[in-house]
Amino acid sequence: MIIQPRDVGWIEVICGPMFSGKTEELIRRLKRAQYARQNLQIFKPKIDDRYDAESIVSHSKQALPSYPVADVGEMREQLDAHVEVIGIDEVQFFDLDVIEFCNEMAQKQCRVIVAGLDQDYRAEPFGPMPQLLAAAEYVTKLHAICVKCGNPAHRSYRLATNPQQVLVGSDERYEARCRRCFAQGYSEQLSNEEA
């Protein structure tokens, strides 16, 4: 449980692999802020239009309306002067400007809640997440269930070989896997590429 001090802002990061419930947890926290009648705004990257172009939507179809933005500049343009809580989904798709934005808003006494992948499909740090994790007062790391063995999954395994770091998709392109099953799949992909 996060204790909410008065007259101070902070950053909360919700991270983990695909299918771990990051957006669902973000929606839960934002709905609680709504119940408390706090002024909130929600942002998402325009490139994430998997379920709805203008809402953040979890894999279980929970949703909240949001502002789809291409970059932090557009986020600033949409910002309400009286905002108290800011939610950002799929934060890994934004450039490093999002770090300064989150720190600035926390300094202005906003509660900033971001959700996103902490690792890309190669299990390497993804976009601004390392710096956001370092700057955050509160970090929640979620886990999925490995589709191969049922153990806790910490990685997002890409089913198709594609060298692009950003490839928006869902269960048709990715699986949640544990460390062992991720490594086995990655080795198999490399073997197939060499053949």
N, C-alpha and C. Protein backbone atom coordinates (compact mmCIF):
# COMPACT_ATOMS: atom_id res chain seq x y z
N MET A 1 0.84 -1.18 0.00
CA MET A 1 0.00 0.00 0.00
C MET A 1 0.89 1.24 0.00
N ILE A 2 0.51 2.21 -0.80
CA ILE A 2 1.27 3.44 -0.89
C ILE A 2 0.60 4.50 -0.03
N ILE A 3 1.33 5.00 0.95
CA ILE A 3 0.83 6.07 1.81
C ILE A 3 0.94 7.36 1.01
N GLN A 4 -0.10 8.16 1.03
CA GLN A 4 -0.11 9.37 0.23
C GLN A 4 0.16 10.59 1.10
N PRO A 5 1.43 11.02 1.16
CA PRO A 5 1.72 12.23 1.92
C PRO A 5 1.12 13.45 1.21
N ARG A 6 0.90 14.51 1.95
CA ARG A 6 0.32 15.72 1.36
C ARG A 6 1.43 16.66 0.90
N ASP A 7 1.10 17.45 -0.12
CA ASP A 7 1.98 18.50 -0.62
C ASP A 7 3.33 17.99 -1.09
N VAL A 8 3.34 16.80 -1.65
CA VAL A 8 4.57 16.27 -2.22
C VAL A 8 4.18 15.37 -3.39
N GLY A 9 5.00 15.36 -4.42
CA GLY A 9 4.76 14.48 -5.56
C GLY A 9 5.73 13.33 -5.55
N TRP A 10 5.47 12.35 -6.38
CA TRP A 10 6.36 11.20 -6.49
C TRP A 10 6.09 10.45 -7.78
N ILE A 11 6.96 9.49 -8.06
CA ILE A 11 6.85 8.63 -9.24
C ILE A 11 6.66 7.19 -8.79
N GLU A 12 5.69 6.52 -9.39
CA GLU A 12 5.47 5.09 -9.19
C GLU A 12 5.71 4.39 -10.53
N VAL A 13 6.48 3.32 -10.53
CA VAL A 13 6.71 2.54 -11.75
C VAL A 13 6.13 1.15 -11.56
N ILE A 14 5.32 0.73 -12.51
CA ILE A 14 4.79 -0.63 -12.56
C ILE A 14 5.45 -1.28 -13.77
N CYS A 15 6.22 -2.33 -13.55
CA CYS A 15 6.96 -2.93 -14.66
C CYS A 15 6.86 -4.45 -14.62
N GLY A 16 7.34 -5.06 -15.68
CA GLY A 16 7.33 -6.51 -15.80
C GLY A 16 7.19 -6.90 -17.25
N PRO A 17 7.10 -8.20 -17.53
CA PRO A 17 6.98 -8.66 -18.91
C PRO A 17 5.55 -8.50 -19.43
N MET A 18 5.36 -8.83 -20.69
CA MET A 18 4.02 -8.84 -21.24
C MET A 18 3.17 -9.87 -20.49
N PHE A 19 1.89 -9.59 -20.39
CA PHE A 19 0.90 -10.47 -19.77
C PHE A 19 1.08 -10.61 -18.25
N SER A 20 1.72 -9.62 -17.62
CA SER A 20 1.90 -9.67 -16.17
C SER A 20 0.88 -8.81 -15.42
N GLY A 21 0.05 -8.06 -16.13
CA GLY A 21 -0.98 -7.26 -15.48
C GLY A 21 -0.59 -5.82 -15.19
N LYS A 22 0.38 -5.28 -15.94
CA LYS A 22 0.83 -3.91 -15.70
C LYS A 22 -0.28 -2.89 -15.93
N THR A 23 -0.94 -2.98 -17.07
CA THR A 23 -2.01 -2.02 -17.38
C THR A 23 -3.17 -2.20 -16.42
N GLU A 24 -3.48 -3.42 -16.07
CA GLU A 24 -4.55 -3.68 -15.11
C GLU A 24 -4.24 -3.02 -13.75
N GLU A 25 -3.00 -3.12 -13.31
CA GLU A 25 -2.60 -2.48 -12.04
C GLU A 25 -2.63 -0.96 -12.17
N LEU A 26 -2.20 -0.44 -13.31
CA LEU A 26 -2.27 1.01 -13.54
C LEU A 26 -3.72 1.48 -13.47
N ILE A 27 -4.61 0.77 -14.15
CA ILE A 27 -6.03 1.12 -14.14
C ILE A 27 -6.59 1.07 -12.72
N ARG A 28 -6.22 0.05 -11.95
CA ARG A 28 -6.69 -0.07 -10.56
C ARG A 28 -6.29 1.16 -9.75
N ARG A 29 -5.03 1.57 -9.86
CA ARG A 29 -4.56 2.73 -9.10
C ARG A 29 -5.25 4.02 -9.56
N LEU A 30 -5.43 4.15 -10.87
CA LEU A 30 -6.07 5.36 -11.39
C LEU A 30 -7.54 5.42 -11.00
N LYS A 31 -8.22 4.29 -10.98
CA LYS A 31 -9.63 4.28 -10.55
C LYS A 31 -9.76 4.68 -9.09
N ARG A 32 -8.82 4.25 -8.27
CA ARG A 32 -8.84 4.66 -6.85
C ARG A 32 -8.67 6.17 -6.73
N ALA A 33 -7.81 6.75 -7.56
CA ALA A 33 -7.64 8.21 -7.56
C ALA A 33 -8.93 8.89 -8.01
N GLN A 34 -9.62 8.30 -8.99
CA GLN A 34 -10.91 8.85 -9.42
C GLN A 34 -11.93 8.82 -8.28
N TYR A 35 -11.99 7.70 -7.57
CA TYR A 35 -12.92 7.58 -6.44
C TYR A 35 -12.64 8.64 -5.38
N ALA A 36 -11.38 9.02 -5.24
CA ALA A 36 -10.98 10.04 -4.27
C ALA A 36 -11.17 11.46 -4.83
N ARG A 37 -11.77 11.54 -6.03
CA ARG A 37 -12.06 12.81 -6.71
C ARG A 37 -10.80 13.62 -7.01
N GLN A 38 -9.73 12.92 -7.30
CA GLN A 38 -8.50 13.60 -7.69
C GLN A 38 -8.54 13.87 -9.20
N ASN A 39 -8.00 15.00 -9.58
CA ASN A 39 -7.96 15.38 -11.00
C ASN A 39 -6.85 14.58 -11.67
N LEU A 40 -7.21 13.72 -12.61
CA LEU A 40 -6.18 12.89 -13.24
C LEU A 40 -6.23 12.96 -14.75
N GLN A 41 -5.08 12.67 -15.34
CA GLN A 41 -4.96 12.57 -16.80
C GLN A 41 -4.17 11.32 -17.12
N ILE A 42 -4.57 10.68 -18.21
CA ILE A 42 -3.94 9.43 -18.62
C ILE A 42 -3.43 9.59 -20.05
N PHE A 43 -2.20 9.14 -20.26
CA PHE A 43 -1.58 9.22 -21.58
C PHE A 43 -1.12 7.85 -22.04
N LYS A 44 -1.09 7.68 -23.35
CA LYS A 44 -0.56 6.46 -23.95
C LYS A 44 0.09 6.83 -25.28
N PRO A 45 1.04 6.03 -25.75
CA PRO A 45 1.65 6.32 -27.05
C PRO A 45 0.68 6.01 -28.19
N LYS A 46 0.65 6.88 -29.19
CA LYS A 46 -0.24 6.68 -30.33
C LYS A 46 0.00 5.35 -31.03
N ILE A 47 1.23 4.87 -31.01
CA ILE A 47 1.52 3.62 -31.73
C ILE A 47 0.85 2.41 -31.11
N ASP A 48 0.39 2.52 -29.86
CA ASP A 48 -0.27 1.39 -29.21
C ASP A 48 -1.78 1.49 -29.43
N ASP A 49 -2.24 0.91 -30.52
CA ASP A 49 -3.67 0.93 -30.83
C ASP A 49 -4.24 -0.49 -30.88
N ARG A 50 -3.64 -1.39 -30.10
CA ARG A 50 -4.03 -2.80 -30.15
C ARG A 50 -5.50 -3.03 -29.84
N TYR A 51 -6.01 -2.43 -28.80
CA TYR A 51 -7.39 -2.67 -28.39
C TYR A 51 -8.28 -1.46 -28.65
N ASP A 52 -7.74 -0.26 -28.45
CA ASP A 52 -8.51 0.96 -28.60
C ASP A 52 -7.53 2.11 -28.79
N ALA A 53 -7.81 2.96 -29.75
CA ALA A 53 -6.88 4.06 -30.04
C ALA A 53 -6.90 5.15 -28.98
N GLU A 54 -8.00 5.27 -28.21
CA GLU A 54 -8.12 6.38 -27.28
C GLU A 54 -8.34 5.96 -25.83
N SER A 55 -8.03 4.73 -25.51
CA SER A 55 -8.14 4.26 -24.12
C SER A 55 -6.96 3.36 -23.80
N ILE A 56 -6.59 3.32 -22.53
CA ILE A 56 -5.67 2.27 -22.11
C ILE A 56 -6.55 1.06 -21.81
N VAL A 57 -6.13 -0.09 -22.30
CA VAL A 57 -6.95 -1.30 -22.19
C VAL A 57 -6.05 -2.45 -21.78
N SER A 58 -6.46 -3.18 -20.74
CA SER A 58 -5.69 -4.35 -20.31
C SER A 58 -6.06 -5.54 -21.18
N HIS A 59 -5.26 -6.60 -21.09
CA HIS A 59 -5.57 -7.82 -21.85
C HIS A 59 -6.91 -8.41 -21.41
N SER A 60 -7.33 -8.12 -20.17
CA SER A 60 -8.62 -8.61 -19.69
C SER A 60 -9.75 -7.63 -20.02
N LYS A 61 -9.44 -6.64 -20.85
CA LYS A 61 -10.41 -5.68 -21.40
C LYS A 61 -10.89 -4.61 -20.41
N GLN A 62 -10.20 -4.42 -19.30
CA GLN A 62 -10.49 -3.26 -18.45
C GLN A 62 -9.96 -2.04 -19.19
N ALA A 63 -10.65 -0.91 -19.09
CA ALA A 63 -10.25 0.25 -19.88
C ALA A 63 -10.52 1.56 -19.14
N LEU A 64 -9.73 2.57 -19.49
CA LEU A 64 -9.96 3.94 -19.06
C LEU A 64 -9.61 4.85 -20.24
N PRO A 65 -10.39 5.92 -20.45
CA PRO A 65 -10.08 6.85 -21.54
C PRO A 65 -8.71 7.50 -21.32
N SER A 66 -8.01 7.76 -22.41
CA SER A 66 -6.68 8.36 -22.32
C SER A 66 -6.45 9.30 -23.49
N TYR A 67 -5.37 10.05 -23.39
CA TYR A 67 -4.92 10.90 -24.49
C TYR A 67 -3.83 10.15 -25.24
N PRO A 68 -4.07 9.77 -26.50
CA PRO A 68 -2.99 9.16 -27.28
C PRO A 68 -2.06 10.26 -27.79
N VAL A 69 -0.78 10.14 -27.50
CA VAL A 69 0.18 11.18 -27.89
C VAL A 69 1.38 10.55 -28.59
N ALA A 70 1.98 11.32 -29.49
CA ALA A 70 3.14 10.84 -30.23
C ALA A 70 4.42 11.00 -29.43
N ASP A 71 4.45 12.01 -28.55
CA ASP A 71 5.67 12.29 -27.80
C ASP A 71 5.34 13.12 -26.56
N VAL A 72 6.37 13.43 -25.80
CA VAL A 72 6.19 14.20 -24.56
C VAL A 72 5.71 15.62 -24.86
N GLY A 73 6.12 16.18 -25.99
CA GLY A 73 5.64 17.51 -26.37
C GLY A 73 4.12 17.56 -26.45
N GLU A 74 3.52 16.54 -27.07
CA GLU A 74 2.06 16.46 -27.14
C GLU A 74 1.45 16.24 -25.76
N MET A 75 2.16 15.51 -24.91
CA MET A 75 1.68 15.30 -23.55
C MET A 75 1.58 16.65 -22.82
N ARG A 76 2.62 17.45 -22.98
CA ARG A 76 2.64 18.77 -22.33
C ARG A 76 1.50 19.65 -22.85
N GLU A 77 1.22 19.58 -24.16
CA GLU A 77 0.14 20.38 -24.75
C GLU A 77 -1.22 20.00 -24.17
N GLN A 78 -1.43 18.74 -23.86
CA GLN A 78 -2.71 18.26 -23.34
C GLN A 78 -2.85 18.43 -21.82
N LEU A 79 -1.77 18.79 -21.16
CA LEU A 79 -1.73 18.79 -19.70
C LEU A 79 -2.66 19.82 -19.09
N ASP A 80 -3.47 19.39 -18.15
CA ASP A 80 -4.37 20.25 -17.39
C ASP A 80 -3.56 20.92 -16.28
N ALA A 81 -3.72 22.22 -16.13
CA ALA A 81 -2.96 22.96 -15.11
C ALA A 81 -3.26 22.49 -13.69
N HIS A 82 -4.41 21.85 -13.48
CA HIS A 82 -4.81 21.43 -12.13
C HIS A 82 -4.67 19.92 -11.92
N VAL A 83 -3.91 19.26 -12.76
CA VAL A 83 -3.78 17.81 -12.64
C VAL A 83 -3.09 17.43 -11.33
N GLU A 84 -3.58 16.37 -10.70
CA GLU A 84 -2.99 15.87 -9.46
C GLU A 84 -2.33 14.51 -9.65
N VAL A 85 -2.89 13.71 -10.56
CA VAL A 85 -2.38 12.37 -10.83
C VAL A 85 -2.23 12.20 -12.33
N ILE A 86 -1.06 11.72 -12.74
CA ILE A 86 -0.79 11.46 -14.16
C ILE A 86 -0.50 9.98 -14.32
N GLY A 87 -1.20 9.34 -15.25
CA GLY A 87 -0.94 7.95 -15.59
C GLY A 87 -0.38 7.85 -16.99
N ILE A 88 0.67 7.07 -17.17
CA ILE A 88 1.25 6.86 -18.50
C ILE A 88 1.40 5.36 -18.71
N ASP A 89 0.72 4.84 -19.73
CA ASP A 89 0.82 3.42 -20.05
C ASP A 89 1.83 3.22 -21.18
N GLU A 90 2.43 2.05 -21.23
CA GLU A 90 3.42 1.69 -22.26
C GLU A 90 4.52 2.75 -22.35
N VAL A 91 5.01 3.16 -21.20
CA VAL A 91 5.99 4.25 -21.12
C VAL A 91 7.29 3.93 -21.85
N GLN A 92 7.59 2.64 -22.05
CA GLN A 92 8.83 2.27 -22.73
C GLN A 92 8.86 2.76 -24.18
N PHE A 93 7.70 3.09 -24.76
CA PHE A 93 7.66 3.54 -26.15
C PHE A 93 7.97 5.03 -26.30
N PHE A 94 8.08 5.76 -25.20
CA PHE A 94 8.43 7.18 -25.27
C PHE A 94 9.94 7.35 -25.24
N ASP A 95 10.42 8.49 -25.75
CA ASP A 95 11.86 8.73 -25.73
C ASP A 95 12.28 9.20 -24.34
N LEU A 96 13.55 9.51 -24.20
CA LEU A 96 14.10 9.85 -22.88
C LEU A 96 13.53 11.14 -22.29
N ASP A 97 12.84 11.96 -23.11
CA ASP A 97 12.20 13.17 -22.59
C ASP A 97 11.17 12.86 -21.51
N VAL A 98 10.63 11.66 -21.53
CA VAL A 98 9.60 11.30 -20.55
C VAL A 98 10.18 11.26 -19.13
N ILE A 99 11.47 11.03 -19.01
CA ILE A 99 12.12 11.01 -17.69
C ILE A 99 12.06 12.40 -17.06
N GLU A 100 12.47 13.40 -17.83
CA GLU A 100 12.44 14.79 -17.35
C GLU A 100 11.00 15.20 -17.03
N PHE A 101 10.06 14.81 -17.91
CA PHE A 101 8.65 15.15 -17.69
C PHE A 101 8.15 14.57 -16.37
N CYS A 102 8.41 13.30 -16.12
CA CYS A 102 7.95 12.66 -14.89
C CYS A 102 8.58 13.30 -13.66
N ASN A 103 9.87 13.57 -13.71
CA ASN A 103 10.54 14.23 -12.58
C ASN A 103 9.98 15.63 -12.35
N GLU A 104 9.77 16.36 -13.43
CA GLU A 104 9.23 17.72 -13.33
C GLU A 104 7.83 17.71 -12.71
N MET A 105 6.98 16.79 -13.15
CA MET A 105 5.62 16.73 -12.62
C MET A 105 5.61 16.29 -11.15
N ALA A 106 6.48 15.36 -10.80
CA ALA A 106 6.58 14.95 -9.39
C ALA A 106 7.05 16.13 -8.53
N GLN A 107 7.97 16.92 -9.07
CA GLN A 107 8.46 18.11 -8.36
C GLN A 107 7.34 19.13 -8.16
N LYS A 108 6.37 19.13 -9.10
CA LYS A 108 5.22 20.03 -9.00
C LYS A 108 4.08 19.41 -8.18
N GLN A 109 4.40 18.44 -7.36
CA GLN A 109 3.48 17.81 -6.41
C GLN A 109 2.43 16.91 -7.07
N CYS A 110 2.75 16.38 -8.24
CA CYS A 110 1.86 15.40 -8.89
C CYS A 110 2.29 13.99 -8.52
N ARG A 111 1.33 13.12 -8.45
CA ARG A 111 1.59 11.68 -8.35
C ARG A 111 1.66 11.18 -9.79
N VAL A 112 2.80 10.65 -10.18
CA VAL A 112 3.01 10.17 -11.54
C VAL A 112 3.12 8.66 -11.50
N ILE A 113 2.21 7.97 -12.20
CA ILE A 113 2.21 6.51 -12.23
C ILE A 113 2.46 6.07 -13.66
N VAL A 114 3.55 5.35 -13.88
CA VAL A 114 3.87 4.86 -15.22
C VAL A 114 3.88 3.34 -15.22
N ALA A 115 3.51 2.76 -16.35
CA ALA A 115 3.53 1.31 -16.50
C ALA A 115 4.20 0.97 -17.82
N GLY A 116 5.02 -0.08 -17.81
CA GLY A 116 5.66 -0.48 -19.05
C GLY A 116 6.60 -1.65 -18.88
N LEU A 117 7.08 -2.11 -20.01
CA LEU A 117 8.06 -3.20 -20.03
C LEU A 117 9.40 -2.69 -19.54
N ASP A 118 10.02 -3.40 -18.63
CA ASP A 118 11.37 -3.02 -18.19
C ASP A 118 12.44 -3.63 -19.08
N GLN A 119 12.06 -4.69 -19.84
CA GLN A 119 13.00 -5.35 -20.75
C GLN A 119 12.36 -5.51 -22.12
N ASP A 120 13.19 -5.46 -23.16
CA ASP A 120 12.68 -5.69 -24.50
C ASP A 120 12.69 -7.19 -24.81
N TYR A 121 12.45 -7.56 -26.06
CA TYR A 121 12.36 -8.98 -26.43
C TYR A 121 13.69 -9.71 -26.33
N ARG A 122 14.78 -8.97 -26.16
CA ARG A 122 16.10 -9.59 -25.97
C ARG A 122 16.49 -9.65 -24.49
N ALA A 123 15.57 -9.27 -23.62
CA ALA A 123 15.79 -9.20 -22.17
C ALA A 123 16.80 -8.11 -21.81
N GLU A 124 16.84 -7.05 -22.61
CA GLU A 124 17.71 -5.90 -22.34
C GLU A 124 16.84 -4.73 -21.88
N PRO A 125 17.42 -3.80 -21.09
CA PRO A 125 16.65 -2.64 -20.62
C PRO A 125 15.97 -1.91 -21.78
N PHE A 126 14.74 -1.48 -21.55
CA PHE A 126 13.91 -0.93 -22.62
C PHE A 126 13.69 0.57 -22.45
N GLY A 127 14.17 1.33 -23.42
CA GLY A 127 13.91 2.77 -23.48
C GLY A 127 14.24 3.51 -22.20
N PRO A 128 13.31 4.33 -21.71
CA PRO A 128 13.56 5.15 -20.52
C PRO A 128 13.38 4.41 -19.19
N MET A 129 13.02 3.13 -19.25
CA MET A 129 12.70 2.42 -18.00
C MET A 129 13.83 2.37 -16.97
N PRO A 130 15.08 2.14 -17.36
CA PRO A 130 16.13 2.11 -16.31
C PRO A 130 16.19 3.40 -15.49
N GLN A 131 16.12 4.55 -16.18
CA GLN A 131 16.18 5.82 -15.47
C GLN A 131 14.92 6.07 -14.65
N LEU A 132 13.76 5.66 -15.17
CA LEU A 132 12.52 5.83 -14.41
C LEU A 132 12.53 4.96 -13.16
N LEU A 133 13.04 3.75 -13.28
CA LEU A 133 13.15 2.87 -12.11
C LEU A 133 14.07 3.49 -11.06
N ALA A 134 15.14 4.12 -11.51
CA ALA A 134 16.08 4.76 -10.57
C ALA A 134 15.47 5.99 -9.91
N ALA A 135 14.63 6.73 -10.65
CA ALA A 135 14.05 7.97 -10.13
C ALA A 135 12.82 7.74 -9.26
N ALA A 136 12.18 6.59 -9.40
CA ALA A 136 10.89 6.33 -8.74
C ALA A 136 11.02 6.16 -7.23
N GLU A 137 10.02 6.67 -6.53
CA GLU A 137 9.92 6.42 -5.10
C GLU A 137 9.34 5.04 -4.82
N TYR A 138 8.47 4.57 -5.72
CA TYR A 138 7.80 3.28 -5.55
C TYR A 138 7.91 2.46 -6.83
N VAL A 139 8.34 1.22 -6.69
CA VAL A 139 8.48 0.32 -7.84
C VAL A 139 7.73 -0.98 -7.56
N THR A 140 6.92 -1.39 -8.52
CA THR A 140 6.20 -2.67 -8.44
C THR A 140 6.62 -3.49 -9.65
N LYS A 141 7.28 -4.62 -9.40
CA LYS A 141 7.67 -5.52 -10.51
C LYS A 141 6.72 -6.70 -10.49
N LEU A 142 5.98 -6.84 -11.58
CA LEU A 142 5.00 -7.92 -11.71
C LEU A 142 5.60 -9.06 -12.53
N HIS A 143 5.03 -10.23 -12.39
CA HIS A 143 5.48 -11.40 -13.14
C HIS A 143 4.28 -12.04 -13.81
N ALA A 144 4.53 -12.65 -14.94
CA ALA A 144 3.49 -13.42 -15.64
C ALA A 144 3.73 -14.89 -15.32
N ILE A 145 3.08 -15.76 -16.07
CA ILE A 145 3.29 -17.21 -15.94
C ILE A 145 3.87 -17.71 -17.24
N CYS A 146 4.96 -18.44 -17.16
CA CYS A 146 5.63 -18.97 -18.35
C CYS A 146 4.68 -19.90 -19.10
N VAL A 147 4.49 -19.64 -20.39
CA VAL A 147 3.58 -20.47 -21.18
C VAL A 147 4.15 -21.86 -21.46
N LYS A 148 5.45 -22.03 -21.26
CA LYS A 148 6.09 -23.32 -21.53
C LYS A 148 6.10 -24.24 -20.31
N CYS A 149 6.41 -23.70 -19.12
CA CYS A 149 6.60 -24.58 -17.95
C CYS A 149 5.75 -24.21 -16.74
N GLY A 150 5.11 -23.03 -16.75
CA GLY A 150 4.26 -22.64 -15.64
C GLY A 150 4.96 -21.93 -14.50
N ASN A 151 6.27 -21.74 -14.59
CA ASN A 151 7.01 -21.00 -13.56
C ASN A 151 6.76 -19.50 -13.71
N PRO A 152 7.14 -18.69 -12.71
CA PRO A 152 7.03 -17.25 -12.87
C PRO A 152 7.84 -16.78 -14.09
N ALA A 153 7.22 -15.94 -14.89
CA ALA A 153 7.86 -15.44 -16.11
C ALA A 153 8.30 -14.00 -15.92
N HIS A 154 9.52 -13.72 -16.32
CA HIS A 154 10.10 -12.38 -16.20
C HIS A 154 10.46 -11.79 -17.55
N ARG A 155 10.26 -12.52 -18.63
CA ARG A 155 10.70 -12.10 -19.95
C ARG A 155 9.54 -12.13 -20.95
N SER A 156 9.65 -11.27 -21.97
CA SER A 156 8.70 -11.25 -23.09
C SER A 156 9.41 -11.85 -24.29
N TYR A 157 9.00 -13.04 -24.68
CA TYR A 157 9.64 -13.76 -25.78
C TYR A 157 8.92 -13.45 -27.08
N ARG A 158 9.66 -12.97 -28.08
CA ARG A 158 9.08 -12.66 -29.39
C ARG A 158 9.04 -13.93 -30.22
N LEU A 159 7.87 -14.28 -30.72
CA LEU A 159 7.69 -15.51 -31.47
C LEU A 159 8.32 -15.45 -32.86
N ALA A 160 8.26 -14.32 -33.51
CA ALA A 160 8.84 -14.17 -34.85
C ALA A 160 10.15 -13.42 -34.76
N THR A 161 11.08 -13.79 -35.59
CA THR A 161 12.35 -13.06 -35.62
C THR A 161 12.14 -11.75 -36.36
N ASN A 162 12.47 -10.67 -35.71
CA ASN A 162 12.36 -9.33 -36.27
C ASN A 162 13.32 -8.47 -35.46
N PRO A 163 14.29 -7.84 -36.12
CA PRO A 163 15.32 -7.11 -35.38
C PRO A 163 14.87 -5.78 -34.78
N GLN A 164 13.67 -5.28 -35.11
CA GLN A 164 13.20 -4.01 -34.56
C GLN A 164 12.96 -4.15 -33.06
N GLN A 165 13.41 -3.15 -32.29
CA GLN A 165 13.15 -3.21 -30.85
C GLN A 165 11.66 -3.01 -30.57
N VAL A 166 11.04 -2.09 -31.29
CA VAL A 166 9.62 -1.81 -31.09
C VAL A 166 8.80 -2.54 -32.15
N LEU A 167 8.01 -3.48 -31.70
CA LEU A 167 7.08 -4.22 -32.55
C LEU A 167 5.83 -4.45 -31.71
N VAL A 168 4.85 -3.55 -31.87
CA VAL A 168 3.65 -3.60 -31.05
C VAL A 168 2.86 -4.86 -31.38
N GLY A 169 2.45 -5.56 -30.35
CA GLY A 169 1.67 -6.78 -30.56
C GLY A 169 1.18 -7.34 -29.25
N SER A 170 0.49 -8.44 -29.36
CA SER A 170 -0.05 -9.11 -28.18
C SER A 170 0.33 -10.58 -28.25
N ASP A 171 -0.61 -11.47 -27.90
CA ASP A 171 -0.26 -12.89 -27.83
C ASP A 171 0.00 -13.53 -29.19
N GLU A 172 -0.29 -12.81 -30.28
CA GLU A 172 0.05 -13.34 -31.59
C GLU A 172 1.54 -13.16 -31.91
N ARG A 173 2.21 -12.29 -31.17
CA ARG A 173 3.63 -12.02 -31.42
C ARG A 173 4.55 -12.33 -30.24
N TYR A 174 3.99 -12.41 -29.04
CA TYR A 174 4.81 -12.55 -27.84
C TYR A 174 4.26 -13.62 -26.90
N GLU A 175 5.16 -14.16 -26.08
CA GLU A 175 4.80 -15.06 -25.00
C GLU A 175 5.57 -14.65 -23.76
N ALA A 176 4.96 -14.86 -22.60
CA ALA A 176 5.67 -14.68 -21.34
C ALA A 176 6.45 -15.96 -21.06
N ARG A 177 7.73 -15.80 -20.72
CA ARG A 177 8.57 -16.97 -20.44
C ARG A 177 9.48 -16.72 -19.24
N CYS A 178 9.82 -17.82 -18.57
CA CYS A 178 10.80 -17.76 -17.48
C CYS A 178 12.20 -17.64 -18.11
N ARG A 179 13.19 -17.45 -17.28
CA ARG A 179 14.57 -17.30 -17.75
C ARG A 179 15.01 -18.50 -18.59
N ARG A 180 14.75 -19.72 -18.10
CA ARG A 180 15.21 -20.93 -18.79
C ARG A 180 14.51 -21.10 -20.15
N CYS A 181 13.20 -21.00 -20.16
CA CYS A 181 12.45 -21.21 -21.41
C CYS A 181 12.72 -20.09 -22.41
N PHE A 182 12.97 -18.88 -21.91
CA PHE A 182 13.35 -17.77 -22.79
C PHE A 182 14.67 -18.09 -23.48
N ALA A 183 15.66 -18.53 -22.71
CA ALA A 183 16.98 -18.85 -23.27
C ALA A 183 16.90 -20.00 -24.27
N GLN A 184 16.10 -21.01 -23.96
CA GLN A 184 15.94 -22.14 -24.88
C GLN A 184 15.32 -21.68 -26.20
N GLY A 185 14.29 -20.88 -26.13
CA GLY A 185 13.64 -20.38 -27.34
C GLY A 185 14.55 -19.49 -28.16
N TYR A 186 15.31 -18.64 -27.48
CA TYR A 186 16.23 -17.74 -28.16
C TYR A 186 17.32 -18.54 -28.87
N SER A 187 17.83 -19.58 -28.21
CA SER A 187 18.85 -20.45 -28.83
C SER A 187 18.28 -21.15 -30.06
N GLU A 188 17.03 -21.63 -29.97
CA GLU A 188 16.39 -22.28 -31.11
C GLU A 188 16.22 -21.31 -32.28
N GLN A 189 15.85 -20.07 -31.99
CA GLN A 189 15.71 -19.07 -33.06
C GLN A 189 17.04 -18.82 -33.74
N LEU A 190 18.11 -18.70 -32.95
CA LEU A 190 19.43 -18.47 -33.54
C LEU A 190 19.86 -19.65 -34.40
N SER A 191 19.59 -20.87 -33.95
CA SER A 191 19.92 -22.07 -34.72
C SER A 191 19.16 -22.10 -36.04
N ASN A 192 17.89 -21.72 -36.00
CA ASN A 192 17.07 -21.70 -37.22
C ASN A 192 17.55 -20.65 -38.20
N GLU A 193 18.01 -19.50 -37.68
CA GLU A 193 18.52 -18.44 -38.55
C GLU A 193 19.79 -18.87 -39.25
N GLU A 194 20.64 -19.63 -38.55
CA GLU A 194 21.91 -20.08 -39.11
C GLU A 194 21.72 -21.20 -40.12
N ALA A 195 20.63 -21.95 -40.01
CA ALA A 195 20.39 -23.10 -40.90
C ALA A 195 19.96 -22.68 -42.29
